[in-house]
């Protein structure tokens, strides 16, 4: 069943995998998951398939790699910071 998850909850999903896990297995696991950004959305499985590492030892490793392939829409408007009102 397709699932939607906010970016802030992705690491919780990653924690449900058995580690170590390969990039291909993680991507397949999330093929039906849509990650919701501040402005937009993307397929989580596709994003995972684009990370640089071939395997991950824990959820933190996978999430750190995911940060490198997130689109600009994932964090809001360009130049916007958490402290802006």
PDB file of N, CA and C in Angstrom:
ATOM      1  N   UNK A   1       0.842  -1.184   0.000  1.00  0.00           N
ATOM      2  CA  UNK A   1       0.000   0.000   0.000  1.00  0.00           C
ATOM      3  C   UNK A   1       0.889   1.251   0.000  1.00  0.00           C
ATOM      4  N   UNK A   2       0.652   2.177  -0.899  1.00  0.00           N
ATOM      5  CA  UNK A   2       1.451   3.408  -0.925  1.00  0.00           C
ATOM      6  C   UNK A   2       1.334   4.177   0.382  1.00  0.00           C
ATOM      7  N   UNK A   3       2.408   4.821   0.755  1.00  0.00           N
ATOM      8  CA  UNK A   3       2.471   5.542   2.017  1.00  0.00           C
ATOM      9  C   UNK A   3       3.038   6.936   1.776  1.00  0.00           C
ATOM     10  N   UNK A   4       2.600   7.897   2.587  1.00  0.00           N
ATOM     11  CA  UNK A   4       3.173   9.237   2.564  1.00  0.00           C
ATOM     12  C   UNK A   4       3.782   9.509   3.932  1.00  0.00           C
ATOM     13  N   UNK A   5       4.928  10.149   3.928  1.00  0.00           N
ATOM     14  CA  UNK A   5       5.615  10.447   5.179  1.00  0.00           C
ATOM     15  C   UNK A   5       6.306  11.804   5.047  1.00  0.00           C
ATOM     16  N   UNK A   6       6.279  12.577   6.115  1.00  0.00           N
ATOM     17  CA  UNK A   6       6.993  13.849   6.135  1.00  0.00           C
ATOM     18  C   UNK A   6       8.488  13.574   6.242  1.00  0.00           C
ATOM     19  N   UNK A   7       9.280  14.470   5.677  1.00  0.00           N
ATOM     20  CA  UNK A   7      10.731  14.327   5.701  1.00  0.00           C
ATOM     21  C   UNK A   7      11.237  14.147   7.135  1.00  0.00           C
ATOM     22  N   UNK A   8      10.633  14.826   8.075  1.00  0.00           N
ATOM     23  CA  UNK A   8      11.076  14.739   9.469  1.00  0.00           C
ATOM     24  C   UNK A   8      10.866  13.354  10.074  1.00  0.00           C
ATOM     25  N   UNK A   9      10.077  12.493   9.423  1.00  0.00           N
ATOM     26  CA  UNK A   9       9.796  11.145   9.931  1.00  0.00           C
ATOM     27  C   UNK A   9      10.520  10.048   9.146  1.00  0.00           C
ATOM     28  N   UNK A  10      11.288  10.418   8.127  1.00  0.00           N
ATOM     29  CA  UNK A  10      11.950   9.427   7.275  1.00  0.00           C
ATOM     30  C   UNK A  10      12.937   8.571   8.069  1.00  0.00           C
ATOM     31  N   UNK A  11      13.685   9.167   8.964  1.00  0.00           N
ATOM     32  CA  UNK A  11      14.671   8.391   9.718  1.00  0.00           C
ATOM     33  C   UNK A  11      13.992   7.310  10.558  1.00  0.00           C
ATOM     34  N   UNK A  12      12.768   7.563  11.027  1.00  0.00           N
ATOM     35  CA  UNK A  12      11.997   6.553  11.757  1.00  0.00           C
ATOM     36  C   UNK A  12      11.697   5.363  10.854  1.00  0.00           C
ATOM     37  N   UNK A  13      11.341   5.629   9.596  1.00  0.00           N
ATOM     38  CA  UNK A  13      11.126   4.546   8.633  1.00  0.00           C
ATOM     39  C   UNK A  13      12.420   3.773   8.387  1.00  0.00           C
ATOM     40  N   UNK A  14      13.508   4.490   8.243  1.00  0.00           N
ATOM     41  CA  UNK A  14      14.792   3.837   8.010  1.00  0.00           C
ATOM     42  C   UNK A  14      15.157   2.908   9.166  1.00  0.00           C
ATOM     43  N   UNK A  15      14.754   3.256  10.384  1.00  0.00           N
ATOM     44  CA  UNK A  15      15.064   2.440  11.555  1.00  0.00           C
ATOM     45  C   UNK A  15      14.359   1.086  11.519  1.00  0.00           C
ATOM     46  N   UNK A  16      13.316   0.962  10.704  1.00  0.00           N
ATOM     47  CA  UNK A  16      12.570  -0.287  10.616  1.00  0.00           C
ATOM     48  C   UNK A  16      13.251  -1.323   9.720  1.00  0.00           C
ATOM     49  N   UNK A  17      14.252  -0.908   8.947  1.00  0.00           N
ATOM     50  CA  UNK A  17      14.984  -1.839   8.083  1.00  0.00           C
ATOM     51  C   UNK A  17      15.955  -2.676   8.914  1.00  0.00           C
ATOM     52  N   UNK A  18      16.339  -3.833   8.367  1.00  0.00           N
ATOM     53  CA  UNK A  18      17.373  -4.669   8.993  1.00  0.00           C
ATOM     54  C   UNK A  18      18.723  -4.246   8.421  1.00  0.00           C
ATOM     55  N   UNK A  19      19.674  -3.977   9.297  1.00  0.00           N
ATOM     56  CA  UNK A  19      21.000  -3.502   8.882  1.00  0.00           C
ATOM     57  C   UNK A  19      22.045  -4.566   9.143  1.00  0.00           C
ATOM     58  N   UNK A  20      23.090  -4.620   8.304  1.00  0.00           N
ATOM     59  CA  UNK A  20      23.349  -3.727   7.170  1.00  0.00           C
ATOM     60  C   UNK A  20      22.345  -3.975   6.046  1.00  0.00           C
ATOM     61  N   UNK A  21      22.130  -2.924   5.238  1.00  0.00           N
ATOM     62  CA  UNK A  21      21.205  -3.009   4.111  1.00  0.00           C
ATOM     63  C   UNK A  21      21.868  -2.392   2.881  1.00  0.00           C
ATOM     64  N   UNK A  22      21.585  -2.967   1.733  1.00  0.00           N
ATOM     65  CA  UNK A  22      22.137  -2.415   0.494  1.00  0.00           C
ATOM     66  C   UNK A  22      21.254  -1.271   0.010  1.00  0.00           C
ATOM     67  N   UNK A  23      21.848  -0.428  -0.817  1.00  0.00           N
ATOM     68  CA  UNK A  23      21.089   0.678  -1.420  1.00  0.00           C
ATOM     69  C   UNK A  23      19.909   0.134  -2.213  1.00  0.00           C
ATOM     70  N   UNK A  24      20.126  -0.923  -2.991  1.00  0.00           N
ATOM     71  CA  UNK A  24      19.058  -1.490  -3.821  1.00  0.00           C
ATOM     72  C   UNK A  24      17.905  -2.026  -2.966  1.00  0.00           C
ATOM     73  N   UNK A  25      18.230  -2.717  -1.869  1.00  0.00           N
ATOM     74  CA  UNK A  25      17.176  -3.255  -1.002  1.00  0.00           C
ATOM     75  C   UNK A  25      16.406  -2.133  -0.308  1.00  0.00           C
ATOM     76  N   UNK A  26      17.109  -1.104   0.139  1.00  0.00           N
ATOM     77  CA  UNK A  26      16.434   0.023   0.792  1.00  0.00           C
ATOM     78  C   UNK A  26      15.545   0.761  -0.205  1.00  0.00           C
ATOM     79  N   UNK A  27      16.036   0.965  -1.416  1.00  0.00           N
ATOM     80  CA  UNK A  27      15.244   1.646  -2.445  1.00  0.00           C
ATOM     81  C   UNK A  27      13.983   0.845  -2.762  1.00  0.00           C
ATOM     82  N   UNK A  28      14.111  -0.470  -2.865  1.00  0.00           N
ATOM     83  CA  UNK A  28      12.951  -1.320  -3.154  1.00  0.00           C
ATOM     84  C   UNK A  28      11.942  -1.271  -2.014  1.00  0.00           C
ATOM     85  N   UNK A  29      12.431  -1.229  -0.796  1.00  0.00           N
ATOM     86  CA  UNK A  29      11.545  -1.185   0.380  1.00  0.00           C
ATOM     87  C   UNK A  29      10.670   0.068   0.378  1.00  0.00           C
ATOM     88  N   UNK A  30      11.193   1.176  -0.129  1.00  0.00           N
ATOM     89  CA  UNK A  30      10.468   2.449  -0.101  1.00  0.00           C
ATOM     90  C   UNK A  30       9.948   2.882  -1.472  1.00  0.00           C
ATOM     91  N   UNK A  31       9.852   1.946  -2.398  1.00  0.00           N
ATOM     92  CA  UNK A  31       9.403   2.258  -3.759  1.00  0.00           C
ATOM     93  C   UNK A  31       7.991   2.828  -3.799  1.00  0.00           C
ATOM     94  N   UNK A  32       7.153   2.471  -2.836  1.00  0.00           N
ATOM     95  CA  UNK A  32       5.767   2.960  -2.792  1.00  0.00           C
ATOM     96  C   UNK A  32       5.558   4.064  -1.764  1.00  0.00           C
ATOM     97  N   UNK A  33       6.653   4.676  -1.308  1.00  0.00           N
ATOM     98  CA  UNK A  33       6.566   5.703  -0.276  1.00  0.00           C
ATOM     99  C   UNK A  33       6.849   7.077  -0.873  1.00  0.00           C
ATOM    100  N   UNK A  34       5.967   8.018  -0.594  1.00  0.00           N
ATOM    101  CA  UNK A  34       6.144   9.404  -1.015  1.00  0.00           C
ATOM    102  C   UNK A  34       6.601  10.209   0.184  1.00  0.00           C
ATOM    103  N   UNK A  35       7.697  10.930   0.024  1.00  0.00           N
ATOM    104  CA  UNK A  35       8.181  11.798   1.096  1.00  0.00           C
ATOM    105  C   UNK A  35       7.693  13.211   0.797  1.00  0.00           C
ATOM    106  N   UNK A  36       7.107  13.839   1.824  1.00  0.00           N
ATOM    107  CA  UNK A  36       6.535  15.178   1.697  1.00  0.00           C
ATOM    108  C   UNK A  36       7.531  16.210   2.202  1.00  0.00           C
ATOM    109  N   UNK A  37       7.782  17.221   1.374  1.00  0.00           N
ATOM    110  CA  UNK A  37       8.721  18.289   1.708  1.00  0.00           C
ATOM    111  C   UNK A  37       7.974  19.553   2.118  1.00  0.00           C
ATOM    112  N   UNK A  38       8.745  20.576   2.487  1.00  0.00           N
ATOM    113  CA  UNK A  38       8.173  21.875   2.798  1.00  0.00           C
ATOM    114  C   UNK A  38       7.388  22.410   1.600  1.00  0.00           C
ATOM    115  N   UNK A  39       7.876  22.109   0.403  1.00  0.00           N
ATOM    116  CA  UNK A  39       7.218  22.555  -0.824  1.00  0.00           C
ATOM    117  C   UNK A  39       7.383  21.475  -1.887  1.00  0.00           C
ATOM    118  N   UNK A  40       6.517  20.480  -1.867  1.00  0.00           N
ATOM    119  CA  UNK A  40       6.583  19.425  -2.868  1.00  0.00           C
ATOM    120  C   UNK A  40       6.695  18.051  -2.258  1.00  0.00           C
ATOM    121  N   UNK A  41       7.014  17.088  -3.108  1.00  0.00           N
ATOM    122  CA  UNK A  41       7.129  15.697  -2.683  1.00  0.00           C
ATOM    123  C   UNK A  41       7.984  14.939  -3.686  1.00  0.00           C
ATOM    124  N   UNK A  42       8.424  13.747  -3.292  1.00  0.00           N
ATOM    125  CA  UNK A  42       9.216  12.893  -4.175  1.00  0.00           C
ATOM    126  C   UNK A  42       9.058  11.448  -3.727  1.00  0.00           C
ATOM    127  N   UNK A  43       9.411  10.532  -4.621  1.00  0.00           N
ATOM    128  CA  UNK A  43       9.378   9.115  -4.287  1.00  0.00           C
ATOM    129  C   UNK A  43      10.623   8.779  -3.468  1.00  0.00           C
ATOM    130  N   UNK A  44      10.416   8.260  -2.273  1.00  0.00           N
ATOM    131  CA  UNK A  44      11.541   7.972  -1.378  1.00  0.00           C
ATOM    132  C   UNK A  44      12.441   6.874  -1.940  1.00  0.00           C
ATOM    133  N   UNK A  45      11.861   5.858  -2.542  1.00  0.00           N
ATOM    134  CA  UNK A  45      12.665   4.799  -3.130  1.00  0.00           C
ATOM    135  C   UNK A  45      13.593   5.316  -4.210  1.00  0.00           C
ATOM    136  N   UNK A  46      13.094   6.222  -5.047  1.00  0.00           N
ATOM    137  CA  UNK A  46      13.917   6.809  -6.106  1.00  0.00           C
ATOM    138  C   UNK A  46      15.053   7.640  -5.507  1.00  0.00           C
ATOM    139  N   UNK A  47      14.754   8.418  -4.475  1.00  0.00           N
ATOM    140  CA  UNK A  47      15.802   9.207  -3.830  1.00  0.00           C
ATOM    141  C   UNK A  47      16.876   8.306  -3.236  1.00  0.00           C
ATOM    142  N   UNK A  48      16.450   7.243  -2.552  1.00  0.00           N
ATOM    143  CA  UNK A  48      17.416   6.314  -1.960  1.00  0.00           C
ATOM    144  C   UNK A  48      18.281   5.684  -3.048  1.00  0.00           C
ATOM    145  N   UNK A  49      17.685   5.384  -4.194  1.00  0.00           N
ATOM    146  CA  UNK A  49      18.455   4.758  -5.278  1.00  0.00           C
ATOM    147  C   UNK A  49      19.529   5.687  -5.831  1.00  0.00           C
ATOM    148  N   UNK A  50      19.431   6.982  -5.552  1.00  0.00           N
ATOM    149  CA  UNK A  50      20.386   7.967  -6.074  1.00  0.00           C
ATOM    150  C   UNK A  50      21.527   8.303  -5.108  1.00  0.00           C
ATOM    151  N   UNK A  51      21.498   7.751  -3.881  1.00  0.00           N
ATOM    152  CA  UNK A  51      22.562   8.068  -2.920  1.00  0.00           C
ATOM    153  C   UNK A  51      23.880   7.453  -3.358  1.00  0.00           C
ATOM    154  N   UNK A  52      24.978   7.951  -2.814  1.00  0.00           N
ATOM    155  CA  UNK A  52      26.296   7.534  -3.264  1.00  0.00           C
ATOM    156  C   UNK A  52      26.796   6.201  -2.736  1.00  0.00           C
ATOM    157  N   UNK A  53      26.402   5.810  -1.547  1.00  0.00           N
ATOM    158  CA  UNK A  53      26.900   4.569  -0.961  1.00  0.00           C
ATOM    159  C   UNK A  53      26.115   3.358  -1.446  1.00  0.00           C
ATOM    160  N   UNK A  54      26.783   2.217  -1.476  1.00  0.00           N
ATOM    161  CA  UNK A  54      26.141   0.979  -1.903  1.00  0.00           C
ATOM    162  C   UNK A  54      25.485   0.225  -0.754  1.00  0.00           C
ATOM    163  N   UNK A  55      25.912   0.503   0.493  1.00  0.00           N
ATOM    164  CA  UNK A  55      25.321  -0.159   1.652  1.00  0.00           C
ATOM    165  C   UNK A  55      25.410   0.752   2.873  1.00  0.00           C
ATOM    166  N   UNK A  56      24.602   0.402   3.876  1.00  0.00           N
ATOM    167  CA  UNK A  56      24.484   1.239   5.071  1.00  0.00           C
ATOM    168  C   UNK A  56      24.505   0.357   6.305  1.00  0.00           C
ATOM    169  N   UNK A  57      25.206   0.807   7.350  1.00  0.00           N
ATOM    170  CA  UNK A  57      25.317   0.022   8.572  1.00  0.00           C
ATOM    171  C   UNK A  57      24.234   0.358   9.586  1.00  0.00           C
ATOM    172  N   UNK A  58      23.599   1.528   9.430  1.00  0.00           N
ATOM    173  CA  UNK A  58      22.544   1.917  10.365  1.00  0.00           C
ATOM    174  C   UNK A  58      21.671   3.014   9.748  1.00  0.00           C
ATOM    175  N   UNK A  59      20.528   3.320  10.377  1.00  0.00           N
ATOM    176  CA  UNK A  59      19.609   4.331   9.827  1.00  0.00           C
ATOM    177  C   UNK A  59      20.242   5.712   9.675  1.00  0.00           C
ATOM    178  N   UNK A  60      21.152   6.049  10.580  1.00  0.00           N
ATOM    179  CA  UNK A  60      21.795   7.361  10.517  1.00  0.00           C
ATOM    180  C   UNK A  60      22.639   7.503   9.257  1.00  0.00           C
ATOM    181  N   UNK A  61      23.345   6.421   8.878  1.00  0.00           N
ATOM    182  CA  UNK A  61      24.143   6.452   7.650  1.00  0.00           C
ATOM    183  C   UNK A  61      23.262   6.685   6.425  1.00  0.00           C
ATOM    184  N   UNK A  62      22.161   5.961   6.363  1.00  0.00           N
ATOM    185  CA  UNK A  62      21.252   6.091   5.228  1.00  0.00           C
ATOM    186  C   UNK A  62      20.645   7.483   5.173  1.00  0.00           C
ATOM    187  N   UNK A  63      20.222   8.020   6.315  1.00  0.00           N
ATOM    188  CA  UNK A  63      19.618   9.345   6.344  1.00  0.00           C
ATOM    189  C   UNK A  63      20.636  10.415   5.955  1.00  0.00           C
ATOM    190  N   UNK A  64      21.870  10.279   6.417  1.00  0.00           N
ATOM    191  CA  UNK A  64      22.914  11.246   6.062  1.00  0.00           C
ATOM    192  C   UNK A  64      23.147  11.258   4.553  1.00  0.00           C
ATOM    193  N   UNK A  65      23.177  10.083   3.939  1.00  0.00           N
ATOM    194  CA  UNK A  65      23.351  10.004   2.485  1.00  0.00           C
ATOM    195  C   UNK A  65      22.146  10.605   1.756  1.00  0.00           C
ATOM    196  N   UNK A  66      20.957  10.397   2.296  1.00  0.00           N
ATOM    197  CA  UNK A  66      19.746  10.941   1.681  1.00  0.00           C
ATOM    198  C   UNK A  66      19.819  12.466   1.601  1.00  0.00           C
ATOM    199  N   UNK A  67      20.387  13.098   2.609  1.00  0.00           N
ATOM    200  CA  UNK A  67      20.489  14.557   2.649  1.00  0.00           C
ATOM    201  C   UNK A  67      21.198  15.105   1.409  1.00  0.00           C
ATOM    202  N   UNK A  68      22.108  14.324   0.854  1.00  0.00           N
ATOM    203  CA  UNK A  68      22.892  14.772  -0.307  1.00  0.00           C
ATOM    204  C   UNK A  68      22.122  14.746  -1.622  1.00  0.00           C
ATOM    205  N   UNK A  69      20.987  14.065  -1.662  1.00  0.00           N
ATOM    206  CA  UNK A  69      20.233  13.961  -2.915  1.00  0.00           C
ATOM    207  C   UNK A  69      18.868  14.638  -2.847  1.00  0.00           C
ATOM    208  N   UNK A  70      18.567  15.279  -1.722  1.00  0.00           N
ATOM    209  CA  UNK A  70      17.273  15.953  -1.590  1.00  0.00           C
ATOM    210  C   UNK A  70      17.200  17.177  -2.494  1.00  0.00           C
ATOM    211  N   UNK A  71      16.054  17.406  -3.113  1.00  0.00           N
ATOM    212  CA  UNK A  71      15.882  18.611  -3.935  1.00  0.00           C
ATOM    213  C   UNK A  71      15.740  19.854  -3.051  1.00  0.00           C
ATOM    214  N   UNK A  72      15.914  21.008  -3.647  1.00  0.00           N
ATOM    215  CA  UNK A  72      15.796  22.274  -2.915  1.00  0.00           C
ATOM    216  C   UNK A  72      14.440  22.384  -2.217  1.00  0.00           C
ATOM    217  N   UNK A  73      13.381  21.838  -2.831  1.00  0.00           N
ATOM    218  CA  UNK A  73      12.039  21.925  -2.263  1.00  0.00           C
ATOM    219  C   UNK A  73      11.932  21.251  -0.898  1.00  0.00           C
ATOM    220  N   UNK A  74      12.878  20.392  -0.583  1.00  0.00           N
ATOM    221  CA  UNK A  74      12.824  19.636   0.665  1.00  0.00           C
ATOM    222  C   UNK A  74      12.961  20.525   1.892  1.00  0.00           C
ATOM    223  N   UNK A  75      13.621  21.654   1.741  1.00  0.00           N
ATOM    224  CA  UNK A  75      13.890  22.490   2.907  1.00  0.00           C
ATOM    225  C   UNK A  75      13.246  23.871   2.836  1.00  0.00           C
ATOM    226  N   UNK A  76      12.410  24.106   1.888  1.00  0.00           N
ATOM    227  CA  UNK A  76      11.726  25.394   1.800  1.00  0.00           C
ATOM    228  C   UNK A  76      12.334  26.297   0.748  1.00  0.00           C
ATOM    229  N   UNK A  77      12.066  27.567   0.874  1.00  0.00           N
ATOM    230  CA  UNK A  77      12.513  28.543  -0.107  1.00  0.00           C
ATOM    231  C   UNK A  77      14.035  28.765  -0.011  1.00  0.00           C
ATOM    232  N   UNK A  78      14.689  28.938  -1.144  1.00  0.00           N
ATOM    233  CA  UNK A  78      16.132  29.228  -1.117  1.00  0.00           C
ATOM    234  C   UNK A  78      16.418  30.476  -0.293  1.00  0.00           C
ATOM    235  N   UNK A  79      17.432  30.391   0.544  1.00  0.00           N
ATOM    236  CA  UNK A  79      17.812  31.536   1.370  1.00  0.00           C
ATOM    237  C   UNK A  79      17.012  31.661   2.651  1.00  0.00           C
ATOM    238  N   UNK A  80      15.993  30.853   2.817  1.00  0.00           N
ATOM    239  CA  UNK A  80      15.180  30.924   4.017  1.00  0.00           C
ATOM    240  C   UNK A  80      15.891  30.167   5.125  1.00  0.00           C
ATOM    241  N   UNK A  81      15.869  30.728   6.334  1.00  0.00           N
ATOM    242  CA  UNK A  81      16.480  30.035   7.456  1.00  0.00           C
ATOM    243  C   UNK A  81      15.422  29.766   8.512  1.00  0.00           C
ATOM    244  N   UNK A  82      15.762  28.879   9.425  1.00  0.00           N
ATOM    245  CA  UNK A  82      14.829  28.504  10.492  1.00  0.00           C
ATOM    246  C   UNK A  82      14.464  29.708  11.359  1.00  0.00           C
ATOM    247  N   UNK A  83      15.380  30.673  11.470  1.00  0.00           N
ATOM    248  CA  UNK A  83      15.148  31.804  12.356  1.00  0.00           C
ATOM    249  C   UNK A  83      14.330  32.930  11.742  1.00  0.00           C
ATOM    250  N   UNK A  84      14.027  32.884  10.448  1.00  0.00           N
ATOM    251  CA  UNK A  84      13.254  33.954   9.820  1.00  0.00           C
ATOM    252  C   UNK A  84      11.819  33.908  10.295  1.00  0.00           C
ATOM    253  N   UNK A  85      11.247  35.069  10.505  1.00  0.00           N
ATOM    254  CA  UNK A  85       9.854  35.124  10.965  1.00  0.00           C
ATOM    255  C   UNK A  85       8.946  35.530   9.837  1.00  0.00           C
TER     256      UNK A  85
END
